[in-house]
């Protein structure tokens, strides 16, 4: 038998019963959870998606602060943590987080996909390609050093090194990047394809612009195949590739592709 417990946020929490998503109306927000912590998180995500736009949306999201952590940008603005980021090449970024002494409670810091690291010098800005979550605690772990997976976000600038420092912001393209990254991960895409896809979004790069990534010796890293696969992945992520500059170079890319599924896909898209 299910037991219903009303809480002050206007959310009905159902304990001890089977889990099923409920439709959300503007009068009531409801979500169901099992006794399993993992399932609670999973179904809370579903609940938040359903609750988006509801008049009690902000209140409904309050419990997620402890469950999923808080965005690093918000915590920095509130002065609860300090962060120092430095360059580590084109794929990695070093980050040290410190908990402010005045903060007594432990804090879960979330660094979401699309977090923007703005270089204070002339090197490229960087954007995270994989989410990271860490816990800071005044009793045990007041600071932590970690390495983030990133991609460059300004193709014309130099690659950052350890001397380059960064400020942390939300990317103006964060929503599109959040759509993109899970699809990139599922596709098991290599670095060149990942970087091409990110530049297509952050820099609106065309085929020639993507050629700024080079290896010595050997020439450009992002060839026609990498361009086409990045375009395909962007489309699979729900991003309209035909509105990006790269689409104007589709015929050039098609000519450089070997016969196969990827070339057929791009040819068919070009006909639509």
Protein backbone atom coordinates (compact mmCIF):
# COMPACT_ATOMS: atom_id res chain seq x y z
CA UNK A 1 0.00 0.00 0.00
CA UNK A 2 1.38 3.40 -0.93
CA UNK A 3 1.90 6.03 1.72
CA UNK A 4 1.53 9.66 0.68
CA UNK A 5 3.52 12.42 2.35
CA UNK A 6 2.85 16.07 1.55
CA UNK A 7 5.78 18.46 1.77
CA UNK A 8 5.70 22.24 1.83
CA UNK A 9 6.99 22.70 -1.72
CA UNK A 10 3.72 21.45 -3.10
CA UNK A 11 5.25 18.16 -4.29
CA UNK A 12 3.58 14.86 -3.50
CA UNK A 13 6.19 12.22 -2.67
CA UNK A 14 4.99 8.64 -2.99
CA UNK A 15 6.98 6.15 -0.95
CA UNK A 16 6.97 2.37 -1.01
CA UNK A 17 5.05 1.94 -4.26
CA UNK A 18 5.90 1.22 -7.84
CA UNK A 19 7.53 3.98 -9.82
CA UNK A 20 5.53 5.67 -12.56
CA UNK A 21 5.79 9.13 -14.08
CA UNK A 22 2.76 11.36 -13.54
CA UNK A 23 1.63 14.20 -15.80
CA UNK A 24 2.31 17.61 -14.31
CA UNK A 25 -0.38 20.27 -14.24
CA UNK A 26 -0.10 23.92 -13.32
CA UNK A 27 -1.93 23.20 -10.07
CA UNK A 28 0.10 20.31 -8.72
CA UNK A 29 3.60 18.87 -9.12
CA UNK A 30 4.01 15.17 -8.41
CA UNK A 31 6.87 12.75 -8.61
CA UNK A 32 7.35 9.16 -7.48
CA UNK A 33 10.48 7.58 -6.10
CA UNK A 34 11.46 4.13 -4.91
CA UNK A 35 13.56 3.33 -1.84
CA UNK A 36 16.58 2.97 -4.16
CA UNK A 37 18.80 6.06 -4.14
CA UNK A 38 19.78 5.51 -7.77
CA UNK A 39 16.17 5.24 -8.89
CA UNK A 40 15.30 8.32 -6.88
CA UNK A 41 17.86 10.33 -8.87
CA UNK A 42 16.68 8.87 -12.15
CA UNK A 43 13.04 9.63 -11.55
CA UNK A 44 13.76 13.03 -10.07
CA UNK A 45 15.36 13.94 -13.41
CA UNK A 46 12.15 12.87 -15.16
CA UNK A 47 10.15 14.90 -12.67
CA UNK A 48 12.21 18.04 -13.23
CA UNK A 49 11.82 17.71 -16.98
CA UNK A 50 8.04 17.46 -16.54
CA UNK A 51 7.97 20.36 -14.10
CA UNK A 52 9.77 22.79 -16.40
CA UNK A 53 7.77 25.97 -16.83
CA UNK A 54 5.42 25.26 -13.94
CA UNK A 55 4.69 28.16 -11.59
CA UNK A 56 6.39 26.22 -8.76
CA UNK A 57 9.33 25.16 -10.90
CA UNK A 58 11.96 27.00 -8.83
CA UNK A 59 10.72 25.49 -5.56
CA UNK A 60 10.59 22.05 -7.10
CA UNK A 61 14.23 22.26 -8.12
CA UNK A 62 15.50 23.17 -4.65
CA UNK A 63 16.02 19.54 -3.49
CA UNK A 64 18.27 18.90 -6.48
CA UNK A 65 21.01 21.08 -4.97
CA UNK A 66 21.93 18.36 -2.53
CA UNK A 67 21.13 15.47 -4.84
CA UNK A 68 23.07 16.56 -7.91
CA UNK A 69 25.35 19.32 -6.69
CA UNK A 70 25.35 22.97 -7.56
CA UNK A 71 26.69 24.62 -10.68
CA UNK A 72 30.27 25.85 -10.25
CA UNK A 73 29.35 29.26 -11.72
CA UNK A 74 26.64 29.82 -9.08
CA UNK A 75 28.93 28.78 -6.23
CA UNK A 76 31.67 31.13 -7.45
CA UNK A 77 29.22 34.03 -7.67
CA UNK A 78 28.02 33.36 -4.13
CA UNK A 79 31.61 33.29 -2.86
CA UNK A 80 31.32 29.78 -1.43
CA UNK A 81 34.25 28.36 -3.38
CA UNK A 82 37.41 29.53 -5.10
CA UNK A 83 38.71 28.12 -8.37
CA UNK A 84 41.97 28.35 -10.26
CA UNK A 85 42.17 26.94 -13.77
CA UNK A 86 45.24 26.61 -15.99
CA UNK A 87 45.94 25.27 -19.47
CA UNK A 88 47.07 21.73 -20.20
CA UNK A 89 47.02 21.42 -23.97
CA UNK A 90 44.11 21.18 -26.38
CA UNK A 91 42.15 18.34 -24.71
CA UNK A 92 42.63 18.87 -20.96
CA UNK A 93 42.33 21.66 -18.40
CA UNK A 94 43.70 21.66 -14.87
CA UNK A 95 41.40 22.96 -12.14
CA UNK A 96 41.87 23.46 -8.40
CA UNK A 97 38.78 24.05 -6.26
CA UNK A 98 38.88 25.38 -2.71
CA UNK A 99 36.10 25.64 -0.17
CA UNK A 100 35.85 29.02 1.58
CA UNK A 101 36.64 28.73 5.31
CA UNK A 102 33.35 30.41 6.28
CA UNK A 103 31.34 27.62 4.62
CA UNK A 104 30.63 24.96 7.26
CA UNK A 105 28.59 22.45 5.28
CA UNK A 106 30.02 20.19 2.62
CA UNK A 107 29.27 21.29 -0.93
CA UNK A 108 28.84 19.17 -4.03
CA UNK A 109 30.25 21.12 -6.98
CA UNK A 110 28.96 20.28 -10.45
CA UNK A 111 30.91 21.31 -13.53
CA UNK A 112 28.40 20.70 -16.33
CA UNK A 113 29.05 20.10 -20.00
CA UNK A 114 29.45 23.45 -21.73
CA UNK A 115 31.08 25.26 -18.79
CA UNK A 116 33.15 28.01 -20.37
CA UNK A 117 36.74 28.77 -19.35
CA UNK A 118 37.71 32.22 -20.64
CA UNK A 119 41.45 32.69 -21.04
CA UNK A 120 42.83 35.84 -19.40
CA UNK A 121 45.55 35.97 -22.07
CA UNK A 122 45.58 35.48 -25.83
CA UNK A 123 45.16 31.68 -25.92
CA UNK A 124 41.95 29.82 -26.75
CA UNK A 125 38.97 29.67 -24.45
CA UNK A 126 37.99 26.14 -23.45
CA UNK A 127 34.66 24.36 -22.98
CA UNK A 128 34.03 21.21 -20.96
CA UNK A 129 32.98 18.15 -22.94
CA UNK A 130 32.21 15.87 -19.99
CA UNK A 131 30.45 16.67 -16.70
CA UNK A 132 32.40 16.43 -13.45
CA UNK A 133 31.10 16.40 -9.87
CA UNK A 134 33.24 16.71 -6.74
CA UNK A 135 32.53 17.13 -3.02
CA UNK A 136 34.28 19.70 -0.84
CA UNK A 137 34.10 19.33 2.93
CA UNK A 138 35.69 21.52 5.62
CA UNK A 139 36.16 18.45 7.82
CA UNK A 140 37.98 16.31 5.25
CA UNK A 141 38.54 17.75 1.78
CA UNK A 142 38.79 21.53 1.72
CA UNK A 143 40.45 21.59 -1.71
CA UNK A 144 40.86 19.29 -4.68
CA UNK A 145 42.85 19.24 -7.91
CA UNK A 146 41.32 17.69 -10.99
CA UNK A 147 41.69 17.45 -14.73
CA UNK A 148 38.77 18.28 -17.00
CA UNK A 149 38.05 17.02 -20.49
CA UNK A 150 37.69 20.04 -22.76
CA UNK A 151 37.69 21.27 -26.33
CA UNK A 152 38.92 24.58 -27.70
CA UNK A 153 36.30 27.24 -28.39
CA UNK A 154 38.29 29.80 -30.43
CA UNK A 155 39.92 28.10 -33.38
CA UNK A 156 42.07 31.08 -34.43
CA UNK A 157 43.93 31.41 -31.12
CA UNK A 158 46.93 29.58 -29.68
CA UNK A 159 46.63 26.35 -27.67
CA UNK A 160 46.72 27.06 -23.90
CA UNK A 161 49.65 25.96 -21.75
CA UNK A 162 50.32 25.91 -18.00
CA UNK A 163 50.98 29.67 -17.95
CA UNK A 164 47.48 30.49 -19.19
CA UNK A 165 44.82 31.18 -16.55
CA UNK A 166 41.05 31.13 -16.98
CA UNK A 167 37.87 32.69 -15.62
CA UNK A 168 34.82 30.44 -15.40
CA UNK A 169 31.49 31.33 -17.00
CA UNK A 170 28.49 29.73 -18.64
CA UNK A 171 28.90 29.26 -22.35
CA UNK A 172 26.48 31.26 -24.51
CA UNK A 173 26.17 28.02 -26.50
CA UNK A 174 25.73 25.78 -23.45
CA UNK A 175 22.28 24.48 -24.41
CA UNK A 176 23.47 23.26 -27.79
CA UNK A 177 26.61 21.78 -26.24
CA UNK A 178 24.53 19.91 -23.67
CA UNK A 179 22.54 18.40 -26.51
CA UNK A 180 25.70 17.51 -28.38
CA UNK A 181 27.92 15.88 -25.76
CA UNK A 182 25.86 12.77 -24.92
CA UNK A 183 25.58 11.97 -28.63
CA UNK A 184 29.33 12.48 -29.11
CA UNK A 185 30.02 10.14 -26.21
CA UNK A 186 27.62 7.49 -27.50
CA UNK A 187 29.23 7.72 -30.93
CA UNK A 188 32.65 7.10 -29.33
CA UNK A 189 33.95 9.91 -31.50
CA UNK A 190 37.67 10.60 -31.67
CA UNK A 191 39.27 13.91 -30.75
CA UNK A 192 39.21 15.42 -34.26
CA UNK A 193 35.47 14.76 -34.66
CA UNK A 194 34.72 16.08 -31.15
CA UNK A 195 36.71 19.24 -31.79
CA UNK A 196 35.05 19.77 -35.18
CA UNK A 197 31.58 19.41 -33.66
CA UNK A 198 32.39 21.86 -30.85
CA UNK A 199 33.82 24.45 -33.28
CA UNK A 200 30.76 24.11 -35.50
CA UNK A 201 28.70 25.24 -32.50
CA UNK A 202 30.98 27.67 -30.64
CA UNK A 203 32.67 29.29 -33.66
CA UNK A 204 30.16 28.50 -36.41
CA UNK A 205 33.20 27.16 -38.24
CA UNK A 206 33.17 26.24 -41.93
CA UNK A 207 35.35 23.63 -43.62
CA UNK A 208 38.27 25.98 -44.12
CA UNK A 209 38.05 27.29 -40.56
CA UNK A 210 38.24 23.75 -39.20
CA UNK A 211 41.55 23.42 -41.04
CA UNK A 212 43.28 25.61 -38.44
CA UNK A 213 43.89 22.47 -36.35
CA UNK A 214 47.06 21.03 -37.84
CA UNK A 215 49.70 18.46 -36.99
CA UNK A 216 53.37 18.77 -37.81
CA UNK A 217 54.22 17.11 -40.08
CA UNK A 218 51.06 16.05 -41.84
CA UNK A 219 48.83 19.09 -42.37
CA UNK A 220 45.23 19.55 -41.27
CA UNK A 221 43.74 17.17 -38.70
CA UNK A 222 40.05 17.70 -39.48
CA UNK A 223 39.54 16.34 -42.99
CA UNK A 224 36.32 15.79 -44.98
CA UNK A 225 35.45 12.63 -43.08
CA UNK A 226 35.75 14.30 -39.66
CA UNK A 227 33.71 17.27 -40.89
CA UNK A 228 30.93 15.06 -42.23
CA UNK A 229 30.79 12.89 -39.13
CA UNK A 230 30.70 15.97 -36.88
CA UNK A 231 27.84 17.35 -38.97
CA UNK A 232 25.96 14.05 -38.71
CA UNK A 233 26.41 13.90 -34.94
CA UNK A 234 25.20 17.51 -34.56
CA UNK A 235 22.07 16.63 -36.49
CA UNK A 236 21.52 13.48 -34.41
CA UNK A 237 21.70 15.73 -31.34
CA UNK A 238 18.82 17.84 -32.61
CA UNK A 239 20.97 20.73 -33.87
CA UNK A 240 19.96 22.12 -37.26
CA UNK A 241 23.21 21.69 -39.18
CA UNK A 242 21.75 23.45 -42.22
CA UNK A 243 21.77 26.72 -40.27
CA UNK A 244 25.52 26.44 -39.62
CA UNK A 245 28.25 27.83 -41.88
CA UNK A 246 29.66 24.34 -42.46
CA UNK A 247 26.55 23.47 -44.51
CA UNK A 248 27.66 25.82 -47.28
CA UNK A 249 30.71 23.57 -47.77
CA UNK A 250 28.70 20.37 -48.10
CA UNK A 251 29.60 19.79 -51.76
CA UNK A 252 33.31 20.20 -51.05
CA UNK A 253 33.01 17.72 -48.17
CA UNK A 254 31.00 15.22 -50.24
CA UNK A 255 33.67 15.21 -52.95
CA UNK A 256 36.36 14.30 -50.41
CA UNK A 257 34.44 11.43 -48.82
CA UNK A 258 34.95 7.78 -49.75
CA UNK A 259 31.92 5.78 -50.85
CA UNK A 260 29.92 4.56 -47.88
CA UNK A 261 27.09 5.32 -45.45
CA UNK A 262 28.42 8.69 -44.35
CA UNK A 263 28.72 10.00 -47.90
CA UNK A 264 25.26 8.64 -48.76
CA UNK A 265 23.81 10.35 -45.69
CA UNK A 266 25.27 13.74 -46.61
CA UNK A 267 24.22 13.39 -50.25
CA UNK A 268 20.65 12.60 -49.20
CA UNK A 269 20.58 15.55 -46.78
CA UNK A 270 21.87 17.86 -49.52
CA UNK A 271 18.92 16.88 -51.73
CA UNK A 272 16.29 17.83 -49.11
